[in-house]
Amino acid sequence: GYAVTELRMHLEQIMGLDALLPAILIGAGS
């Protein structure tokens, strides 16, 4: 099977979750 932590880390790299892309939010209402 799969090592859970190892597979989770692979998915983070695949989706780019570890890169922290710069973002902004437009619209500060409710």
ModelCIF file with pLDDT and N, C-alpha, C, O atoms, coordinates in Angstrom:
data_MODEL
#
_entry.id   MODEL 
#
_entity.id                         1 
_entity.type                       polymer 
_entity.pdbx_number_of_molecules   1 
#
_entity_poly.entity_id                      1 
_entity_poly.type                           'polypeptide(L)' 
_entity_poly.nstd_linkage                   no 
_entity_poly.nstd_monomer                   no 
_entity_poly.pdbx_seq_one_letter_code       GYAVTELRMHLEQIMGLDALLPAILIGAGS 
_entity_poly.pdbx_seq_one_letter_code_can   GYAVTELRMHLEQIMGLDALLPAILIGAGS 
_entity_poly.pdbx_strand_id                 A 
#
loop_
_entity_poly_seq.entity_id 
_entity_poly_seq.num 
_entity_poly_seq.mon_id 
_entity_poly_seq.hetero 
1 1  GLY n 
1 2  TYR n 
1 3  ALA n 
1 4  VAL n 
1 5  THR n 
1 6  GLU n 
1 7  LEU n 
1 8  ARG n 
1 9  MET n 
1 10 HIS n 
1 11 LEU n 
1 12 GLU n 
1 13 GLN n 
1 14 ILE n 
1 15 MET n 
1 16 GLY n 
1 17 LEU n 
1 18 ASP n 
1 19 ALA n 
1 20 LEU n 
1 21 LEU n 
1 22 PRO n 
1 23 ALA n 
1 24 ILE n 
1 25 LEU n 
1 26 ILE n 
1 27 GLY n 
1 28 ALA n 
1 29 GLY n 
1 30 SER n 
#
_struct_asym.id          A 
_struct_asym.entity_id   1 
#
loop_
_ma_qa_metric.id 
_ma_qa_metric.mode 
_ma_qa_metric.name 
_ma_qa_metric.software_group_id 
_ma_qa_metric.type 
1 global pLDDT . pLDDT 
2 local  pLDDT . pLDDT 
#
_ma_qa_metric_global.metric_id      1 
_ma_qa_metric_global.metric_value   94.00 
_ma_qa_metric_global.model_id       1 
_ma_qa_metric_global.ordinal_id     1 
#
loop_
_ma_qa_metric_local.label_asym_id 
_ma_qa_metric_local.label_comp_id 
_ma_qa_metric_local.label_seq_id 
_ma_qa_metric_local.metric_id 
_ma_qa_metric_local.metric_value 
_ma_qa_metric_local.model_id 
_ma_qa_metric_local.ordinal_id 
A GLY 1  2 88.00 1 1  
A TYR 2  2 93.00 1 2  
A ALA 3  2 94.00 1 3  
A VAL 4  2 95.00 1 4  
A THR 5  2 95.00 1 5  
A GLU 6  2 95.00 1 6  
A LEU 7  2 95.00 1 7  
A ARG 8  2 95.00 1 8  
A MET 9  2 94.00 1 9  
A HIS 10 2 94.00 1 10 
A LEU 11 2 94.00 1 11 
A GLU 12 2 94.00 1 12 
A GLN 13 2 92.00 1 13 
A ILE 14 2 92.00 1 14 
A MET 15 2 92.00 1 15 
A GLY 16 2 91.00 1 16 
A LEU 17 2 92.00 1 17 
A ASP 18 2 86.00 1 18 
A ALA 19 2 87.00 1 19 
A LEU 20 2 93.00 1 20 
A LEU 21 2 97.00 1 21 
A PRO 22 2 97.00 1 22 
A ALA 23 2 98.00 1 23 
A ILE 24 2 98.00 1 24 
A LEU 25 2 98.00 1 25 
A ILE 26 2 98.00 1 26 
A GLY 27 2 97.00 1 27 
A ALA 28 2 97.00 1 28 
A GLY 29 2 95.00 1 29 
A SER 30 2 94.00 1 30 
#
loop_
_atom_site.group_PDB 
_atom_site.id 
_atom_site.type_symbol 
_atom_site.label_atom_id 
_atom_site.label_alt_id 
_atom_site.label_comp_id 
_atom_site.label_asym_id 
_atom_site.label_entity_id 
_atom_site.label_seq_id 
_atom_site.pdbx_PDB_ins_code 
_atom_site.Cartn_x 
_atom_site.Cartn_y 
_atom_site.Cartn_z 
_atom_site.occupancy 
_atom_site.B_iso_or_equiv 
_atom_site.pdbx_formal_charge 
_atom_site.auth_seq_id 
_atom_site.auth_comp_id 
_atom_site.auth_asym_id 
_atom_site.auth_atom_id 
_atom_site.pdbx_PDB_model_num 
ATOM 1   N N  . GLY A 1 1  ? 0.805   -1.215 0.000  1.00 88.00 ? 1  GLY A N  1 
ATOM 2   C CA . GLY A 1 1  ? 0.000   0.000  0.000  1.00 88.00 ? 1  GLY A CA 1 
ATOM 3   C C  . GLY A 1 1  ? 0.835   1.260  0.000  1.00 88.00 ? 1  GLY A C  1 
ATOM 4   O O  . GLY A 1 1  ? 1.941   1.288  -0.538 1.00 88.00 ? 1  GLY A O  1 
ATOM 5   N N  . TYR A 1 2  ? 0.293   2.309  0.612  1.00 93.00 ? 2  TYR A N  1 
ATOM 6   C CA . TYR A 1 2  ? 0.923   3.631  0.601  1.00 93.00 ? 2  TYR A CA 1 
ATOM 7   C C  . TYR A 1 2  ? 1.295   4.062  2.015  1.00 93.00 ? 2  TYR A C  1 
ATOM 8   O O  . TYR A 1 2  ? 0.539   3.843  2.962  1.00 93.00 ? 2  TYR A O  1 
ATOM 9   N N  . ALA A 1 3  ? 2.468   4.679  2.145  1.00 94.00 ? 3  ALA A N  1 
ATOM 10  C CA . ALA A 1 3  ? 2.817   5.363  3.388  1.00 94.00 ? 3  ALA A CA 1 
ATOM 11  C C  . ALA A 1 3  ? 2.036   6.677  3.402  1.00 94.00 ? 3  ALA A C  1 
ATOM 12  O O  . ALA A 1 3  ? 2.217   7.515  2.519  1.00 94.00 ? 3  ALA A O  1 
ATOM 13  N N  . VAL A 1 4  ? 1.174   6.860  4.396  1.00 95.00 ? 4  VAL A N  1 
ATOM 14  C CA . VAL A 1 4  ? 0.241   7.987  4.408  1.00 95.00 ? 4  VAL A CA 1 
ATOM 15  C C  . VAL A 1 4  ? 0.960   9.331  4.349  1.00 95.00 ? 4  VAL A C  1 
ATOM 16  O O  . VAL A 1 4  ? 0.627   10.179 3.522  1.00 95.00 ? 4  VAL A O  1 
ATOM 17  N N  . THR A 1 5  ? 1.942   9.525  5.221  1.00 95.00 ? 5  THR A N  1 
ATOM 18  C CA . THR A 1 5  ? 2.643   10.811 5.258  1.00 95.00 ? 5  THR A CA 1 
ATOM 19  C C  . THR A 1 5  ? 3.393   11.073 3.962  1.00 95.00 ? 5  THR A C  1 
ATOM 20  O O  . THR A 1 5  ? 3.378   12.192 3.449  1.00 95.00 ? 5  THR A O  1 
ATOM 21  N N  . GLU A 1 6  ? 4.043   10.054 3.436  1.00 95.00 ? 6  GLU A N  1 
ATOM 22  C CA . GLU A 1 6  ? 4.793   10.219 2.189  1.00 95.00 ? 6  GLU A CA 1 
ATOM 23  C C  . GLU A 1 6  ? 3.868   10.586 1.037  1.00 95.00 ? 6  GLU A C  1 
ATOM 24  O O  . GLU A 1 6  ? 4.186   11.469 0.240  1.00 95.00 ? 6  GLU A O  1 
ATOM 25  N N  . LEU A 1 7  ? 2.719   9.908  0.947  1.00 95.00 ? 7  LEU A N  1 
ATOM 26  C CA . LEU A 1 7  ? 1.782   10.209 -0.132 1.00 95.00 ? 7  LEU A CA 1 
ATOM 27  C C  . LEU A 1 7  ? 1.190   11.598 0.026  1.00 95.00 ? 7  LEU A C  1 
ATOM 28  O O  . LEU A 1 7  ? 1.009   12.309 -0.962 1.00 95.00 ? 7  LEU A O  1 
ATOM 29  N N  . ARG A 1 8  ? 0.885   11.996 1.260  1.00 95.00 ? 8  ARG A N  1 
ATOM 30  C CA . ARG A 1 8  ? 0.373   13.351 1.509  1.00 95.00 ? 8  ARG A CA 1 
ATOM 31  C C  . ARG A 1 8  ? 1.382   14.397 1.072  1.00 95.00 ? 8  ARG A C  1 
ATOM 32  O O  . ARG A 1 8  ? 1.003   15.415 0.492  1.00 95.00 ? 8  ARG A O  1 
ATOM 33  N N  . MET A 1 9  ? 2.664   14.164 1.341  1.00 94.00 ? 9  MET A N  1 
ATOM 34  C CA . MET A 1 9  ? 3.697   15.111 0.945  1.00 94.00 ? 9  MET A CA 1 
ATOM 35  C C  . MET A 1 9  ? 3.839   15.169 -0.577 1.00 94.00 ? 9  MET A C  1 
ATOM 36  O O  . MET A 1 9  ? 4.072   16.238 -1.141 1.00 94.00 ? 9  MET A O  1 
ATOM 37  N N  . HIS A 1 10 ? 3.697   14.022 -1.237 1.00 94.00 ? 10 HIS A N  1 
ATOM 38  C CA . HIS A 1 10 ? 3.743   14.011 -2.699 1.00 94.00 ? 10 HIS A CA 1 
ATOM 39  C C  . HIS A 1 10 ? 2.598   14.847 -3.275 1.00 94.00 ? 10 HIS A C  1 
ATOM 40  O O  . HIS A 1 10 ? 2.798   15.610 -4.220 1.00 94.00 ? 10 HIS A O  1 
ATOM 41  N N  . LEU A 1 11 ? 1.399   14.701 -2.702 1.00 94.00 ? 11 LEU A N  1 
ATOM 42  C CA . LEU A 1 11 ? 0.261   15.468 -3.204 1.00 94.00 ? 11 LEU A CA 1 
ATOM 43  C C  . LEU A 1 11 ? 0.454   16.960 -2.974 1.00 94.00 ? 11 LEU A C  1 
ATOM 44  O O  . LEU A 1 11 ? 0.053   17.768 -3.812 1.00 94.00 ? 11 LEU A O  1 
ATOM 45  N N  . GLU A 1 12 ? 1.057   17.335 -1.864 1.00 94.00 ? 12 GLU A N  1 
ATOM 46  C CA . GLU A 1 12 ? 1.350   18.751 -1.615 1.00 94.00 ? 12 GLU A CA 1 
ATOM 47  C C  . GLU A 1 12 ? 2.235   19.314 -2.723 1.00 94.00 ? 12 GLU A C  1 
ATOM 48  O O  . GLU A 1 12 ? 2.016   20.430 -3.194 1.00 94.00 ? 12 GLU A O  1 
ATOM 49  N N  . GLN A 1 13 ? 3.240   18.534 -3.139 1.00 92.00 ? 13 GLN A N  1 
ATOM 50  C CA . GLN A 1 13 ? 4.127   18.991 -4.212 1.00 92.00 ? 13 GLN A CA 1 
ATOM 51  C C  . GLN A 1 13 ? 3.397   19.019 -5.551 1.00 92.00 ? 13 GLN A C  1 
ATOM 52  O O  . GLN A 1 13 ? 3.578   19.946 -6.341 1.00 92.00 ? 13 GLN A O  1 
ATOM 53  N N  . ILE A 1 14 ? 2.580   18.013 -5.805 1.00 92.00 ? 14 ILE A N  1 
ATOM 54  C CA . ILE A 1 14 ? 1.848   17.942 -7.067 1.00 92.00 ? 14 ILE A CA 1 
ATOM 55  C C  . ILE A 1 14 ? 0.920   19.148 -7.222 1.00 92.00 ? 14 ILE A C  1 
ATOM 56  O O  . ILE A 1 14 ? 0.855   19.757 -8.289 1.00 92.00 ? 14 ILE A O  1 
ATOM 57  N N  . MET A 1 15 ? 0.205   19.487 -6.146 1.00 92.00 ? 15 MET A N  1 
ATOM 58  C CA . MET A 1 15 ? -0.738  20.602 -6.203 1.00 92.00 ? 15 MET A CA 1 
ATOM 59  C C  . MET A 1 15 ? -0.077  21.954 -5.955 1.00 92.00 ? 15 MET A C  1 
ATOM 60  O O  . MET A 1 15 ? -0.713  22.996 -6.110 1.00 92.00 ? 15 MET A O  1 
ATOM 61  N N  . GLY A 1 16 ? 1.200   21.940 -5.570 1.00 91.00 ? 16 GLY A N  1 
ATOM 62  C CA . GLY A 1 16 ? 1.916   23.190 -5.323 1.00 91.00 ? 16 GLY A CA 1 
ATOM 63  C C  . GLY A 1 16 ? 1.553   23.852 -4.012 1.00 91.00 ? 16 GLY A C  1 
ATOM 64  O O  . GLY A 1 16 ? 1.725   25.062 -3.864 1.00 91.00 ? 16 GLY A O  1 
ATOM 65  N N  . LEU A 1 17 ? 1.054   23.084 -3.055 1.00 92.00 ? 17 LEU A N  1 
ATOM 66  C CA . LEU A 1 17 ? 0.592   23.677 -1.801 1.00 92.00 ? 17 LEU A CA 1 
ATOM 67  C C  . LEU A 1 17 ? 1.732   24.217 -0.953 1.00 92.00 ? 17 LEU A C  1 
ATOM 68  O O  . LEU A 1 17 ? 1.513   25.031 -0.056 1.00 92.00 ? 17 LEU A O  1 
ATOM 69  N N  . ASP A 1 18 ? 2.950   23.765 -1.234 1.00 86.00 ? 18 ASP A N  1 
ATOM 70  C CA . ASP A 1 18 ? 4.093   24.221 -0.445 1.00 86.00 ? 18 ASP A CA 1 
ATOM 71  C C  . ASP A 1 18 ? 4.738   25.478 -1.017 1.00 86.00 ? 18 ASP A C  1 
ATOM 72  O O  . ASP A 1 18 ? 5.709   25.985 -0.457 1.00 86.00 ? 18 ASP A O  1 
ATOM 73  N N  . ALA A 1 19 ? 4.204   25.987 -2.131 1.00 87.00 ? 19 ALA A N  1 
ATOM 74  C CA . ALA A 1 19 ? 4.833   27.130 -2.802 1.00 87.00 ? 19 ALA A CA 1 
ATOM 75  C C  . ALA A 1 19 ? 4.367   28.479 -2.259 1.00 87.00 ? 19 ALA A C  1 
ATOM 76  O O  . ALA A 1 19 ? 5.098   29.463 -2.364 1.00 87.00 ? 19 ALA A O  1 
ATOM 77  N N  . LEU A 1 20 ? 3.172   28.546 -1.685 1.00 93.00 ? 20 LEU A N  1 
ATOM 78  C CA . LEU A 1 20 ? 2.585   29.777 -1.150 1.00 93.00 ? 20 LEU A CA 1 
ATOM 79  C C  . LEU A 1 20 ? 2.587   30.911 -2.168 1.00 93.00 ? 20 LEU A C  1 
ATOM 80  O O  . LEU A 1 20 ? 3.347   31.873 -2.055 1.00 93.00 ? 20 LEU A O  1 
ATOM 81  N N  . LEU A 1 21 ? 1.725   30.774 -3.153 1.00 97.00 ? 21 LEU A N  1 
ATOM 82  C CA . LEU A 1 21 ? 1.599   31.786 -4.194 1.00 97.00 ? 21 LEU A CA 1 
ATOM 83  C C  . LEU A 1 21 ? 1.007   33.080 -3.626 1.00 97.00 ? 21 LEU A C  1 
ATOM 84  O O  . LEU A 1 21 ? 0.075   33.026 -2.824 1.00 97.00 ? 21 LEU A O  1 
ATOM 85  N N  . PRO A 1 22 ? 1.531   34.234 -4.029 1.00 97.00 ? 22 PRO A N  1 
ATOM 86  C CA . PRO A 1 22 ? 1.004   35.510 -3.524 1.00 97.00 ? 22 PRO A CA 1 
ATOM 87  C C  . PRO A 1 22 ? -0.387  35.801 -4.086 1.00 97.00 ? 22 PRO A C  1 
ATOM 88  O O  . PRO A 1 22 ? -0.627  35.662 -5.285 1.00 97.00 ? 22 PRO A O  1 
ATOM 89  N N  . ALA A 1 23 ? -1.297  36.208 -3.200 1.00 98.00 ? 23 ALA A N  1 
ATOM 90  C CA . ALA A 1 23 ? -2.690  36.447 -3.589 1.00 98.00 ? 23 ALA A CA 1 
ATOM 91  C C  . ALA A 1 23 ? -3.229  37.702 -2.918 1.00 98.00 ? 23 ALA A C  1 
ATOM 92  O O  . ALA A 1 23 ? -2.712  38.156 -1.897 1.00 98.00 ? 23 ALA A O  1 
ATOM 93  N N  . ILE A 1 24 ? -4.291  38.254 -3.522 1.00 98.00 ? 24 ILE A N  1 
ATOM 94  C CA . ILE A 1 24 ? -4.992  39.396 -2.949 1.00 98.00 ? 24 ILE A CA 1 
ATOM 95  C C  . ILE A 1 24 ? -6.486  39.110 -2.946 1.00 98.00 ? 24 ILE A C  1 
ATOM 96  O O  . ILE A 1 24 ? -6.958  38.221 -3.655 1.00 98.00 ? 24 ILE A O  1 
ATOM 97  N N  . LEU A 1 25 ? -7.225  39.865 -2.149 1.00 98.00 ? 25 LEU A N  1 
ATOM 98  C CA . LEU A 1 25 ? -8.679  39.719 -2.077 1.00 98.00 ? 25 LEU A CA 1 
ATOM 99  C C  . LEU A 1 25 ? -9.325  41.051 -2.414 1.00 98.00 ? 25 LEU A C  1 
ATOM 100 O O  . LEU A 1 25 ? -8.948  42.090 -1.872 1.00 98.00 ? 25 LEU A O  1 
ATOM 101 N N  . ILE A 1 26 ? -10.296 41.015 -3.308 1.00 98.00 ? 26 ILE A N  1 
ATOM 102 C CA . ILE A 1 26 ? -11.000 42.222 -3.729 1.00 98.00 ? 26 ILE A CA 1 
ATOM 103 C C  . ILE A 1 26 ? -12.436 42.169 -3.219 1.00 98.00 ? 26 ILE A C  1 
ATOM 104 O O  . ILE A 1 26 ? -13.206 41.285 -3.594 1.00 98.00 ? 26 ILE A O  1 
ATOM 105 N N  . GLY A 1 27 ? -12.786 43.122 -2.363 1.00 97.00 ? 27 GLY A N  1 
ATOM 106 C CA . GLY A 1 27 ? -14.127 43.173 -1.791 1.00 97.00 ? 27 GLY A CA 1 
ATOM 107 C C  . GLY A 1 27 ? -14.119 42.793 -0.326 1.00 97.00 ? 27 GLY A C  1 
ATOM 108 O O  . GLY A 1 27 ? -14.081 41.610 0.009  1.00 97.00 ? 27 GLY A O  1 
ATOM 109 N N  . ALA A 1 28 ? -14.155 43.785 0.552  1.00 97.00 ? 28 ALA A N  1 
ATOM 110 C CA . ALA A 1 28 ? -14.042 43.549 1.996  1.00 97.00 ? 28 ALA A CA 1 
ATOM 111 C C  . ALA A 1 28 ? -15.384 43.633 2.703  1.00 97.00 ? 28 ALA A C  1 
ATOM 112 O O  . ALA A 1 28 ? -15.439 43.905 3.902  1.00 97.00 ? 28 ALA A O  1 
ATOM 113 N N  . GLY A 1 29 ? -16.471 43.400 1.966  1.00 95.00 ? 29 GLY A N  1 
ATOM 114 C CA . GLY A 1 29 ? -17.793 43.396 2.581  1.00 95.00 ? 29 GLY A CA 1 
ATOM 115 C C  . GLY A 1 29 ? -18.028 42.131 3.389  1.00 95.00 ? 29 GLY A C  1 
ATOM 116 O O  . GLY A 1 29 ? -17.080 41.467 3.809  1.00 95.00 ? 29 GLY A O  1 
ATOM 117 N N  . SER A 1 30 ? -19.291 41.803 3.603  1.00 94.00 ? 30 SER A N  1 
ATOM 118 C CA . SER A 1 30 ? -19.614 40.667 4.471  1.00 94.00 ? 30 SER A CA 1 
ATOM 119 C C  . SER A 1 30 ? -19.045 39.354 3.933  1.00 94.00 ? 30 SER A C  1 
ATOM 120 O O  . SER A 1 30 ? -19.228 38.304 4.548  1.00 94.00 ? 30 SER A O  1 
#
